[in-house]
Amino acid sequence: MKEKSPIAQILKFPSNPEEVKWLMSKEKLLKEDLRIQETYDERVETRKELRKVREKLSRVIQSCLLQSITWKDLRKGNA
């Protein structure tokens, strides 16, 4: 049985690291807000905003994706 090599994703440095840092801190604050909010309506609004921040963060990270290669290729130096 042939074993598949895991795929590694090589990332380039984000063009705007401050944006990533800001989005991650915003996500952290929203998660904290969600934990302490008392009313259902407040939590709904916070979840909506949290979803938007996570989508934006995901887009920023995906834009940094350079290529996907296997570990086997990395060991061979074919990258």
C-alpha atoms as a PDB file:
ATOM      1  CA  MET A   1       0.000   0.000   0.000  1.00  0.00           C
ATOM      2  CA  LYS A   2       1.527   3.304  -1.127  1.00  0.00           C
ATOM      3  CA  GLU A   3       1.442   6.044   1.453  1.00  0.00           C
ATOM      4  CA  LYS A   4       0.594   9.571   0.308  1.00  0.00           C
ATOM      5  CA  SER A   5       2.957  12.342   1.298  1.00  0.00           C
ATOM      6  CA  PRO A   6       1.402  15.215   3.215  1.00  0.00           C
ATOM      7  CA  ILE A   7       1.192  18.478   1.316  1.00  0.00           C
ATOM      8  CA  ALA A   8       3.094  21.507   2.553  1.00  0.00           C
ATOM      9  CA  GLN A   9       1.934  25.012   1.792  1.00  0.00           C
ATOM     10  CA  ILE A  10       4.661  27.548   1.255  1.00  0.00           C
ATOM     11  CA  LEU A  11       3.566  31.037   2.203  1.00  0.00           C
ATOM     12  CA  LYS A  12       5.079  34.285   1.142  1.00  0.00           C
ATOM     13  CA  PHE A  13       5.274  37.109   3.641  1.00  0.00           C
ATOM     14  CA  PRO A  14       2.023  39.116   3.671  1.00  0.00           C
ATOM     15  CA  SER A  15       2.281  42.410   1.837  1.00  0.00           C
ATOM     16  CA  ASN A  16       0.593  44.084   4.803  1.00  0.00           C
ATOM     17  CA  PRO A  17       1.434  42.226   8.047  1.00  0.00           C
ATOM     18  CA  GLU A  18      -0.223  44.961  10.104  1.00  0.00           C
ATOM     19  CA  GLU A  19      -3.573  44.063   8.514  1.00  0.00           C
ATOM     20  CA  VAL A  20      -3.172  40.419   9.566  1.00  0.00           C
ATOM     21  CA  LYS A  21      -2.161  41.483  13.060  1.00  0.00           C
ATOM     22  CA  TRP A  22      -5.135  43.852  13.324  1.00  0.00           C
ATOM     23  CA  LEU A  23      -7.608  41.229  12.064  1.00  0.00           C
ATOM     24  CA  MET A  24      -6.288  38.637  14.527  1.00  0.00           C
ATOM     25  CA  SER A  25      -6.578  41.056  17.436  1.00  0.00           C
ATOM     26  CA  LYS A  26     -10.091  42.041  16.299  1.00  0.00           C
ATOM     27  CA  GLU A  27     -11.048  38.345  16.195  1.00  0.00           C
ATOM     28  CA  LYS A  28      -9.709  37.843  19.709  1.00  0.00           C
ATOM     29  CA  LEU A  29     -11.656  40.839  21.051  1.00  0.00           C
ATOM     30  CA  LEU A  30     -14.872  39.703  19.389  1.00  0.00           C
ATOM     31  CA  LYS A  31     -14.520  36.206  20.853  1.00  0.00           C
ATOM     32  CA  GLU A  32     -14.064  37.757  24.286  1.00  0.00           C
ATOM     33  CA  ASP A  33     -17.094  40.013  23.740  1.00  0.00           C
ATOM     34  CA  LEU A  34     -19.135  37.009  22.697  1.00  0.00           C
ATOM     35  CA  ARG A  35     -18.256  35.258  25.939  1.00  0.00           C
ATOM     36  CA  ILE A  36     -19.338  38.129  28.186  1.00  0.00           C
ATOM     37  CA  GLN A  37     -22.408  39.474  26.378  1.00  0.00           C
ATOM     38  CA  GLU A  38     -25.704  38.926  28.125  1.00  0.00           C
ATOM     39  CA  THR A  39     -28.410  39.291  25.505  1.00  0.00           C
ATOM     40  CA  TYR A  40     -29.123  37.116  22.512  1.00  0.00           C
ATOM     41  CA  ASP A  41     -29.267  40.116  20.154  1.00  0.00           C
ATOM     42  CA  GLU A  42     -25.810  41.296  21.202  1.00  0.00           C
ATOM     43  CA  ARG A  43     -24.378  37.833  20.600  1.00  0.00           C
ATOM     44  CA  VAL A  44     -26.034  37.602  17.172  1.00  0.00           C
ATOM     45  CA  GLU A  45     -24.503  40.899  16.091  1.00  0.00           C
ATOM     46  CA  THR A  46     -21.105  39.922  17.467  1.00  0.00           C
ATOM     47  CA  ARG A  47     -21.227  36.569  15.654  1.00  0.00           C
ATOM     48  CA  LYS A  48     -22.013  38.376  12.381  1.00  0.00           C
ATOM     49  CA  GLU A  49     -19.069  40.702  12.847  1.00  0.00           C
ATOM     50  CA  LEU A  50     -16.824  37.824  13.897  1.00  0.00           C
ATOM     51  CA  ARG A  51     -17.791  35.891  10.759  1.00  0.00           C
ATOM     52  CA  LYS A  52     -16.879  38.913   8.593  1.00  0.00           C
ATOM     53  CA  VAL A  53     -13.513  39.312  10.323  1.00  0.00           C
ATOM     54  CA  ARG A  54     -12.709  35.606   9.916  1.00  0.00           C
ATOM     55  CA  GLU A  55     -13.673  35.703   6.225  1.00  0.00           C
ATOM     56  CA  LYS A  56     -11.454  38.733   5.666  1.00  0.00           C
ATOM     57  CA  LEU A  57      -8.589  37.091   7.553  1.00  0.00           C
ATOM     58  CA  SER A  58      -9.031  33.942   5.489  1.00  0.00           C
ATOM     59  CA  ARG A  59      -8.897  35.951   2.243  1.00  0.00           C
ATOM     60  CA  VAL A  60      -5.742  37.737   3.360  1.00  0.00           C
ATOM     61  CA  ILE A  61      -4.058  34.456   4.292  1.00  0.00           C
ATOM     62  CA  GLN A  62      -5.176  32.763   1.064  1.00  0.00           C
ATOM     63  CA  SER A  63      -3.727  35.638  -0.953  1.00  0.00           C
ATOM     64  CA  CYS A  64      -0.349  34.779   0.582  1.00  0.00           C
ATOM     65  CA  LEU A  65      -0.474  31.185  -0.627  1.00  0.00           C
ATOM     66  CA  LEU A  66       2.389  30.724  -3.034  1.00  0.00           C
ATOM     67  CA  GLN A  67       2.209  27.054  -3.911  1.00  0.00           C
ATOM     68  CA  SER A  68       1.449  23.621  -2.547  1.00  0.00           C
ATOM     69  CA  ILE A  69       4.030  20.850  -2.752  1.00  0.00           C
ATOM     70  CA  THR A  70       4.540  17.490  -1.109  1.00  0.00           C
ATOM     71  CA  TRP A  71       7.150  16.809   1.547  1.00  0.00           C
ATOM     72  CA  LYS A  72       8.669  14.267  -0.840  1.00  0.00           C
ATOM     73  CA  ASP A  73       9.283  17.027  -3.391  1.00  0.00           C
ATOM     74  CA  LEU A  74      10.792  19.228  -0.678  1.00  0.00           C
ATOM     75  CA  ARG A  75      13.244  16.490   0.283  1.00  0.00           C
ATOM     76  CA  LYS A  76      14.257  16.059  -3.348  1.00  0.00           C
ATOM     77  CA  GLY A  77      14.776  19.780  -3.782  1.00  0.00           C
ATOM     78  CA  ASN A  78      12.323  20.033  -6.690  1.00  0.00           C
ATOM     79  CA  ALA A  79      10.457  22.941  -5.178  1.00  0.00           C
END
